[in-house]
């Protein structure tokens, strides 16, 4: 089985600054890294494997950072669906849920109730883990469904 560490490591913190110069170049580099990871994962494991959730979350966070709510929602909703029913370190699906909550909390078509529900679910995931990783993460190299 392929491990998620290379893909999840791409999901390092996203710089919230905007503009041009080094920040824009860094965002562009992160975007291309996530796109490449997504393409490689699709080729390696198919279009519906949980391995795609990490780069989809990264793409969604970048889209949200750029103010592209529709692209953010598409990537983040897909990522959230891929995490369903998979035993992974809860930090990863929690990150997706928090990003999706942020995308639903803003804009003219905001859905604050859903945003609160997702943020609460992310907190519950983190609380229920007791700080322990399971399945995939820093102390594991494979996904177990």
N, C-alpha and C. Protein backbone atom coordinates (compact mmCIF):
# COMPACT_ATOMS: atom_id res chain seq x y z
N UNK A 1 0.84 -1.19 0.00
CA UNK A 1 0.00 0.00 0.00
C UNK A 1 0.88 1.24 0.00
N UNK A 2 0.38 2.26 -0.66
CA UNK A 2 1.11 3.52 -0.70
C UNK A 2 0.81 4.31 0.56
N UNK A 3 1.83 4.93 1.13
CA UNK A 3 1.63 5.75 2.31
C UNK A 3 1.18 7.15 1.92
N UNK A 4 0.57 7.84 2.85
CA UNK A 4 0.09 9.20 2.60
C UNK A 4 1.11 10.26 2.96
N UNK A 5 2.17 9.93 3.65
CA UNK A 5 3.09 10.95 4.13
C UNK A 5 3.56 11.92 3.04
N UNK A 6 3.97 11.45 1.85
CA UNK A 6 4.41 12.42 0.85
C UNK A 6 3.32 13.39 0.45
N UNK A 7 2.09 12.92 0.37
CA UNK A 7 1.00 13.80 -0.02
C UNK A 7 0.58 14.71 1.11
N UNK A 8 0.53 14.16 2.31
CA UNK A 8 0.11 14.96 3.45
C UNK A 8 1.18 16.00 3.80
N UNK A 9 2.44 15.66 3.58
CA UNK A 9 3.48 16.63 3.88
C UNK A 9 3.38 17.85 2.98
N UNK A 10 2.76 17.70 1.81
CA UNK A 10 2.53 18.85 0.94
C UNK A 10 1.50 19.79 1.54
N UNK A 11 0.75 19.28 2.49
CA UNK A 11 -0.33 20.02 3.08
C UNK A 11 0.15 20.89 4.24
N UNK A 12 1.42 21.25 4.22
CA UNK A 12 1.96 22.11 5.27
C UNK A 12 1.18 23.42 5.29
N UNK A 13 1.35 24.19 6.33
CA UNK A 13 0.52 25.37 6.50
C UNK A 13 0.53 26.27 5.28
N UNK A 14 -0.64 26.78 4.98
CA UNK A 14 -0.81 27.64 3.82
C UNK A 14 -0.65 29.08 4.27
N UNK A 15 0.24 29.80 3.61
CA UNK A 15 0.51 31.19 3.93
C UNK A 15 -0.72 32.03 3.58
N UNK A 16 -1.35 32.69 4.55
CA UNK A 16 -2.57 33.43 4.27
C UNK A 16 -2.34 34.77 3.59
N UNK A 17 -1.10 35.19 3.41
CA UNK A 17 -0.85 36.48 2.79
C UNK A 17 -1.20 36.43 1.31
N UNK A 18 -1.52 37.58 0.77
CA UNK A 18 -1.85 37.64 -0.64
C UNK A 18 -0.98 38.70 -1.30
N UNK A 19 -1.09 38.81 -2.60
CA UNK A 19 -0.34 39.82 -3.31
C UNK A 19 0.59 39.20 -4.32
N UNK A 20 1.67 39.90 -4.56
CA UNK A 20 2.64 39.45 -5.55
C UNK A 20 3.96 39.16 -4.86
N UNK A 21 4.94 38.86 -5.65
CA UNK A 21 6.26 38.62 -5.11
C UNK A 21 6.40 37.22 -4.57
N UNK A 22 7.20 37.06 -3.53
CA UNK A 22 7.50 35.72 -2.99
C UNK A 22 6.25 34.97 -2.53
N UNK A 23 5.26 35.68 -1.96
CA UNK A 23 4.05 35.01 -1.50
C UNK A 23 3.29 34.40 -2.66
N UNK A 24 3.15 35.16 -3.74
CA UNK A 24 2.44 34.66 -4.91
C UNK A 24 3.19 33.50 -5.54
N UNK A 25 4.51 33.60 -5.59
CA UNK A 25 5.32 32.51 -6.15
C UNK A 25 5.19 31.25 -5.30
N UNK A 26 5.16 31.43 -3.98
CA UNK A 26 5.01 30.28 -3.08
C UNK A 26 3.65 29.62 -3.27
N UNK A 27 2.60 30.44 -3.42
CA UNK A 27 1.26 29.89 -3.65
C UNK A 27 1.21 29.12 -4.96
N UNK A 28 1.82 29.68 -5.99
CA UNK A 28 1.85 29.00 -7.28
C UNK A 28 2.58 27.67 -7.18
N UNK A 29 3.70 27.67 -6.48
CA UNK A 29 4.46 26.43 -6.30
C UNK A 29 3.64 25.40 -5.52
N UNK A 30 2.95 25.85 -4.48
CA UNK A 30 2.11 24.92 -3.70
C UNK A 30 0.97 24.38 -4.56
N UNK A 31 0.37 25.25 -5.36
CA UNK A 31 -0.72 24.81 -6.23
C UNK A 31 -0.23 23.71 -7.17
N UNK A 32 0.91 23.94 -7.81
CA UNK A 32 1.43 22.94 -8.74
C UNK A 32 1.83 21.65 -8.02
N UNK A 33 2.34 21.76 -6.81
CA UNK A 33 2.69 20.56 -6.04
C UNK A 33 1.44 19.75 -5.71
N UNK A 34 0.37 20.43 -5.29
CA UNK A 34 -0.88 19.73 -4.99
C UNK A 34 -1.48 19.11 -6.24
N UNK A 35 -1.46 19.84 -7.34
CA UNK A 35 -1.98 19.31 -8.61
C UNK A 35 -1.20 18.07 -9.03
N UNK A 36 0.13 18.14 -8.92
CA UNK A 36 0.96 16.99 -9.29
C UNK A 36 0.68 15.81 -8.37
N UNK A 37 0.57 16.06 -7.08
CA UNK A 37 0.28 14.98 -6.13
C UNK A 37 -1.08 14.36 -6.43
N UNK A 38 -2.06 15.18 -6.76
CA UNK A 38 -3.38 14.68 -7.08
C UNK A 38 -3.35 13.82 -8.35
N UNK A 39 -2.65 14.28 -9.36
CA UNK A 39 -2.54 13.52 -10.61
C UNK A 39 -1.85 12.19 -10.37
N UNK A 40 -0.74 12.22 -9.65
CA UNK A 40 -0.01 10.97 -9.38
C UNK A 40 -0.84 10.00 -8.54
N UNK A 41 -1.54 10.52 -7.56
CA UNK A 41 -2.37 9.66 -6.72
C UNK A 41 -3.50 9.04 -7.54
N UNK A 42 -4.13 9.83 -8.40
CA UNK A 42 -5.20 9.28 -9.26
C UNK A 42 -4.66 8.16 -10.14
N UNK A 43 -3.48 8.37 -10.70
CA UNK A 43 -2.89 7.34 -11.56
C UNK A 43 -2.53 6.09 -10.75
N UNK A 44 -2.06 6.28 -9.53
CA UNK A 44 -1.60 5.16 -8.71
C UNK A 44 -2.74 4.36 -8.09
N UNK A 45 -3.77 5.04 -7.62
CA UNK A 45 -4.80 4.35 -6.83
C UNK A 45 -6.22 4.55 -7.33
N UNK A 46 -6.41 5.33 -8.36
CA UNK A 46 -7.74 5.55 -8.89
C UNK A 46 -8.39 6.81 -8.36
N UNK A 47 -9.56 7.15 -8.90
CA UNK A 47 -10.19 8.44 -8.59
C UNK A 47 -10.92 8.52 -7.26
N UNK A 48 -11.13 7.40 -6.60
CA UNK A 48 -11.94 7.42 -5.38
C UNK A 48 -11.19 6.96 -4.13
N UNK A 49 -9.89 7.03 -4.17
CA UNK A 49 -9.08 6.57 -3.04
C UNK A 49 -8.88 7.71 -2.04
N UNK A 50 -8.89 7.39 -0.75
CA UNK A 50 -8.68 8.42 0.27
C UNK A 50 -7.35 9.16 0.14
N UNK A 51 -6.39 8.58 -0.56
CA UNK A 51 -5.10 9.25 -0.75
C UNK A 51 -5.27 10.60 -1.47
N UNK A 52 -6.34 10.76 -2.20
CA UNK A 52 -6.58 12.01 -2.92
C UNK A 52 -7.05 13.13 -2.00
N UNK A 53 -7.53 12.79 -0.82
CA UNK A 53 -8.11 13.80 0.07
C UNK A 53 -7.10 14.85 0.52
N UNK A 54 -5.86 14.46 0.78
CA UNK A 54 -4.87 15.43 1.26
C UNK A 54 -4.56 16.50 0.21
N UNK A 55 -4.22 16.12 -1.04
CA UNK A 55 -3.97 17.18 -2.02
C UNK A 55 -5.24 17.97 -2.37
N UNK A 56 -6.41 17.32 -2.33
CA UNK A 56 -7.65 18.07 -2.56
C UNK A 56 -7.87 19.11 -1.47
N UNK A 57 -7.55 18.76 -0.24
CA UNK A 57 -7.67 19.73 0.85
C UNK A 57 -6.71 20.89 0.63
N UNK A 58 -5.48 20.58 0.24
CA UNK A 58 -4.51 21.64 -0.04
C UNK A 58 -4.98 22.57 -1.14
N UNK A 59 -5.52 21.99 -2.22
CA UNK A 59 -6.05 22.82 -3.32
C UNK A 59 -7.22 23.66 -2.84
N UNK A 60 -8.08 23.08 -2.01
CA UNK A 60 -9.21 23.83 -1.48
C UNK A 60 -8.77 24.98 -0.60
N UNK A 61 -7.78 24.74 0.23
CA UNK A 61 -7.26 25.82 1.09
C UNK A 61 -6.67 26.95 0.26
N UNK A 62 -5.93 26.58 -0.79
CA UNK A 62 -5.36 27.61 -1.66
C UNK A 62 -6.45 28.39 -2.38
N UNK A 63 -7.47 27.70 -2.87
CA UNK A 63 -8.57 28.38 -3.55
C UNK A 63 -9.28 29.32 -2.59
N UNK A 64 -9.48 28.88 -1.36
CA UNK A 64 -10.12 29.71 -0.35
C UNK A 64 -9.28 30.95 -0.06
N UNK A 65 -7.99 30.73 0.04
CA UNK A 65 -7.05 31.84 0.28
C UNK A 65 -7.14 32.89 -0.84
N UNK A 66 -7.38 32.42 -2.06
CA UNK A 66 -7.46 33.32 -3.22
C UNK A 66 -8.86 33.89 -3.40
N UNK A 67 -9.79 33.49 -2.55
CA UNK A 67 -11.15 34.00 -2.65
C UNK A 67 -12.02 33.28 -3.66
N UNK A 68 -11.56 32.14 -4.14
CA UNK A 68 -12.33 31.34 -5.10
C UNK A 68 -13.14 30.31 -4.33
N UNK A 69 -14.25 30.76 -3.78
CA UNK A 69 -15.07 29.92 -2.91
C UNK A 69 -15.60 28.70 -3.64
N UNK A 70 -16.02 28.85 -4.89
CA UNK A 70 -16.57 27.72 -5.64
C UNK A 70 -15.54 26.62 -5.82
N UNK A 71 -14.32 26.98 -6.20
CA UNK A 71 -13.25 25.98 -6.37
C UNK A 71 -12.91 25.35 -5.02
N UNK A 72 -12.90 26.18 -3.98
CA UNK A 72 -12.61 25.66 -2.63
C UNK A 72 -13.67 24.64 -2.23
N UNK A 73 -14.92 24.98 -2.42
CA UNK A 73 -16.00 24.07 -2.04
C UNK A 73 -15.91 22.76 -2.81
N UNK A 74 -15.64 22.84 -4.10
CA UNK A 74 -15.57 21.61 -4.91
C UNK A 74 -14.46 20.69 -4.39
N UNK A 75 -13.27 21.24 -4.16
CA UNK A 75 -12.16 20.41 -3.69
C UNK A 75 -12.39 19.89 -2.28
N UNK A 76 -12.87 20.75 -1.41
CA UNK A 76 -13.02 20.38 0.00
C UNK A 76 -14.18 19.40 0.21
N UNK A 77 -15.27 19.57 -0.52
CA UNK A 77 -16.37 18.63 -0.39
C UNK A 77 -15.96 17.25 -0.91
N UNK A 78 -15.19 17.22 -1.98
CA UNK A 78 -14.69 15.95 -2.51
C UNK A 78 -13.76 15.31 -1.48
N UNK A 79 -12.86 16.09 -0.90
CA UNK A 79 -11.93 15.56 0.11
C UNK A 79 -12.68 15.03 1.31
N UNK A 80 -13.67 15.78 1.78
CA UNK A 80 -14.44 15.32 2.94
C UNK A 80 -15.09 13.97 2.66
N UNK A 81 -15.64 13.81 1.47
CA UNK A 81 -16.25 12.54 1.10
C UNK A 81 -15.26 11.39 1.06
N UNK A 82 -14.05 11.67 0.62
CA UNK A 82 -13.03 10.61 0.54
C UNK A 82 -12.55 10.17 1.91
N UNK A 83 -12.59 11.07 2.90
CA UNK A 83 -12.16 10.70 4.26
C UNK A 83 -13.20 9.82 4.96
N UNK A 84 -14.45 9.82 4.49
CA UNK A 84 -15.53 9.10 5.17
C UNK A 84 -15.23 7.61 5.27
N UNK A 85 -15.37 7.06 6.46
CA UNK A 85 -15.24 5.64 6.68
C UNK A 85 -13.82 5.10 6.61
N UNK A 86 -12.84 5.98 6.60
CA UNK A 86 -11.44 5.55 6.52
C UNK A 86 -10.77 5.85 7.85
N UNK A 87 -9.99 4.91 8.33
CA UNK A 87 -9.27 5.09 9.59
C UNK A 87 -7.96 5.82 9.31
N UNK A 88 -7.92 7.08 9.68
CA UNK A 88 -6.73 7.90 9.49
C UNK A 88 -6.50 8.73 10.74
N UNK A 89 -5.33 9.30 10.81
CA UNK A 89 -5.04 10.26 11.88
C UNK A 89 -6.12 11.34 11.78
N UNK A 90 -6.87 11.60 12.84
CA UNK A 90 -8.00 12.52 12.77
C UNK A 90 -7.62 13.96 12.42
N UNK A 91 -6.36 14.30 12.53
CA UNK A 91 -5.97 15.66 12.16
C UNK A 91 -6.23 15.95 10.69
N UNK A 92 -6.15 14.92 9.85
CA UNK A 92 -6.30 15.15 8.41
C UNK A 92 -7.75 15.42 8.02
N UNK A 93 -8.70 14.57 8.39
CA UNK A 93 -10.09 14.93 8.06
C UNK A 93 -10.56 16.16 8.84
N UNK A 94 -10.03 16.39 10.03
CA UNK A 94 -10.40 17.60 10.79
C UNK A 94 -9.95 18.84 10.03
N UNK A 95 -8.76 18.80 9.47
CA UNK A 95 -8.27 19.95 8.70
C UNK A 95 -9.19 20.23 7.52
N UNK A 96 -9.62 19.15 6.84
CA UNK A 96 -10.54 19.31 5.72
C UNK A 96 -11.85 19.93 6.19
N UNK A 97 -12.39 19.41 7.30
CA UNK A 97 -13.66 19.94 7.82
C UNK A 97 -13.54 21.40 8.23
N UNK A 98 -12.43 21.78 8.86
CA UNK A 98 -12.24 23.19 9.23
C UNK A 98 -12.17 24.08 7.99
N UNK A 99 -11.45 23.65 6.97
CA UNK A 99 -11.34 24.44 5.74
C UNK A 99 -12.70 24.55 5.05
N UNK A 100 -13.43 23.45 5.01
CA UNK A 100 -14.76 23.47 4.41
C UNK A 100 -15.68 24.39 5.21
N UNK A 101 -15.57 24.35 6.52
CA UNK A 101 -16.37 25.26 7.36
C UNK A 101 -16.04 26.72 7.03
N UNK A 102 -14.75 27.03 6.87
CA UNK A 102 -14.37 28.41 6.51
C UNK A 102 -14.97 28.81 5.17
N UNK A 103 -14.97 27.88 4.22
CA UNK A 103 -15.50 28.22 2.89
C UNK A 103 -17.01 28.42 2.93
N UNK A 104 -17.69 27.73 3.83
CA UNK A 104 -19.14 27.87 3.93
C UNK A 104 -19.55 29.05 4.82
N UNK A 105 -18.63 29.62 5.55
CA UNK A 105 -18.94 30.71 6.46
C UNK A 105 -18.86 32.08 5.79
N UNK A 106 -18.47 32.12 4.54
CA UNK A 106 -18.28 33.41 3.89
C UNK A 106 -18.97 33.47 2.54
N UNK A 107 -19.13 34.67 2.04
CA UNK A 107 -19.69 34.87 0.72
C UNK A 107 -21.20 35.03 0.73
N UNK A 108 -21.73 35.39 -0.43
CA UNK A 108 -23.16 35.66 -0.53
C UNK A 108 -24.03 34.40 -0.35
N UNK A 109 -23.46 33.24 -0.62
CA UNK A 109 -24.21 31.99 -0.44
C UNK A 109 -23.72 31.23 0.79
N UNK A 110 -23.35 31.96 1.80
CA UNK A 110 -22.83 31.34 3.03
C UNK A 110 -23.88 30.44 3.66
N UNK A 111 -23.39 29.41 4.34
CA UNK A 111 -24.26 28.49 5.06
C UNK A 111 -23.69 28.34 6.47
N UNK A 112 -23.98 29.33 7.33
CA UNK A 112 -23.37 29.32 8.66
C UNK A 112 -23.72 28.10 9.50
N UNK A 113 -24.93 27.57 9.34
CA UNK A 113 -25.31 26.39 10.12
C UNK A 113 -24.43 25.20 9.76
N UNK A 114 -24.23 24.99 8.47
CA UNK A 114 -23.38 23.88 8.01
C UNK A 114 -21.93 24.13 8.43
N UNK A 115 -21.49 25.38 8.36
CA UNK A 115 -20.12 25.72 8.76
C UNK A 115 -19.90 25.38 10.23
N UNK A 116 -20.85 25.74 11.08
CA UNK A 116 -20.74 25.45 12.51
C UNK A 116 -20.75 23.94 12.75
N UNK A 117 -21.61 23.24 12.02
CA UNK A 117 -21.69 21.78 12.15
C UNK A 117 -20.36 21.12 11.77
N UNK A 118 -19.75 21.57 10.69
CA UNK A 118 -18.47 21.00 10.26
C UNK A 118 -17.36 21.31 11.26
N UNK A 119 -17.32 22.55 11.74
CA UNK A 119 -16.29 22.91 12.72
C UNK A 119 -16.46 22.10 14.00
N UNK A 120 -17.70 21.91 14.42
CA UNK A 120 -17.96 21.08 15.61
C UNK A 120 -17.54 19.64 15.38
N UNK A 121 -17.82 19.12 14.19
CA UNK A 121 -17.43 17.74 13.86
C UNK A 121 -15.91 17.60 13.86
N UNK A 122 -15.22 18.63 13.37
CA UNK A 122 -13.75 18.59 13.38
C UNK A 122 -13.22 18.59 14.80
N UNK A 123 -13.80 19.40 15.64
CA UNK A 123 -13.38 19.43 17.06
C UNK A 123 -13.65 18.08 17.71
N UNK A 124 -14.81 17.51 17.42
CA UNK A 124 -15.14 16.19 17.98
C UNK A 124 -14.13 15.13 17.53
N UNK A 125 -13.75 15.18 16.25
CA UNK A 125 -12.74 14.23 15.76
C UNK A 125 -11.45 14.34 16.55
N UNK A 126 -11.02 15.56 16.76
CA UNK A 126 -9.76 15.78 17.49
C UNK A 126 -9.90 15.40 18.96
N UNK A 127 -11.04 15.72 19.55
CA UNK A 127 -11.27 15.37 20.96
C UNK A 127 -11.35 13.87 21.16
N UNK A 128 -12.01 13.17 20.25
CA UNK A 128 -12.22 11.73 20.41
C UNK A 128 -10.94 10.93 20.23
N UNK A 129 -9.96 11.53 19.57
CA UNK A 129 -8.71 10.80 19.33
C UNK A 129 -7.83 10.79 20.56
N UNK A 130 -8.10 11.66 21.49
CA UNK A 130 -7.26 11.73 22.68
C UNK A 130 -5.82 12.05 22.35
N UNK A 131 -5.61 12.70 21.21
CA UNK A 131 -4.26 13.06 20.79
C UNK A 131 -3.50 11.92 20.15
N UNK A 132 -4.17 10.77 19.96
CA UNK A 132 -3.47 9.62 19.38
C UNK A 132 -3.76 9.51 17.89
N UNK A 133 -2.74 9.17 17.15
CA UNK A 133 -2.89 8.93 15.72
C UNK A 133 -3.39 7.51 15.52
N UNK A 134 -4.08 7.30 14.42
CA UNK A 134 -4.48 5.94 14.07
C UNK A 134 -4.50 5.82 12.56
N UNK A 135 -4.12 4.66 12.05
CA UNK A 135 -4.21 4.38 10.63
C UNK A 135 -3.15 5.03 9.80
N UNK A 136 -3.27 6.33 9.54
CA UNK A 136 -2.34 7.05 8.69
C UNK A 136 -1.86 8.28 9.42
N UNK A 137 -0.62 8.58 9.29
CA UNK A 137 -0.10 9.78 9.91
C UNK A 137 1.36 9.62 10.24
N UNK A 138 1.83 10.41 11.15
CA UNK A 138 3.25 10.44 11.46
C UNK A 138 3.81 9.08 11.91
N UNK A 139 2.95 8.23 12.49
CA UNK A 139 3.47 6.97 12.99
C UNK A 139 2.97 5.77 12.19
N UNK A 140 2.51 5.99 10.95
CA UNK A 140 2.01 4.90 10.13
C UNK A 140 2.29 5.18 8.67
N UNK A 141 2.29 4.13 7.86
CA UNK A 141 2.59 4.34 6.45
C UNK A 141 1.52 3.78 5.52
N UNK A 142 0.37 3.40 6.04
CA UNK A 142 -0.65 2.86 5.16
C UNK A 142 -2.04 3.25 5.65
N UNK A 143 -3.00 3.10 4.77
CA UNK A 143 -4.40 3.36 5.10
C UNK A 143 -5.06 2.03 5.39
N UNK A 144 -5.86 2.00 6.41
CA UNK A 144 -6.69 0.82 6.66
C UNK A 144 -8.13 1.27 6.63
N UNK A 145 -8.96 0.68 5.77
CA UNK A 145 -10.36 1.14 5.66
C UNK A 145 -11.17 0.86 6.90
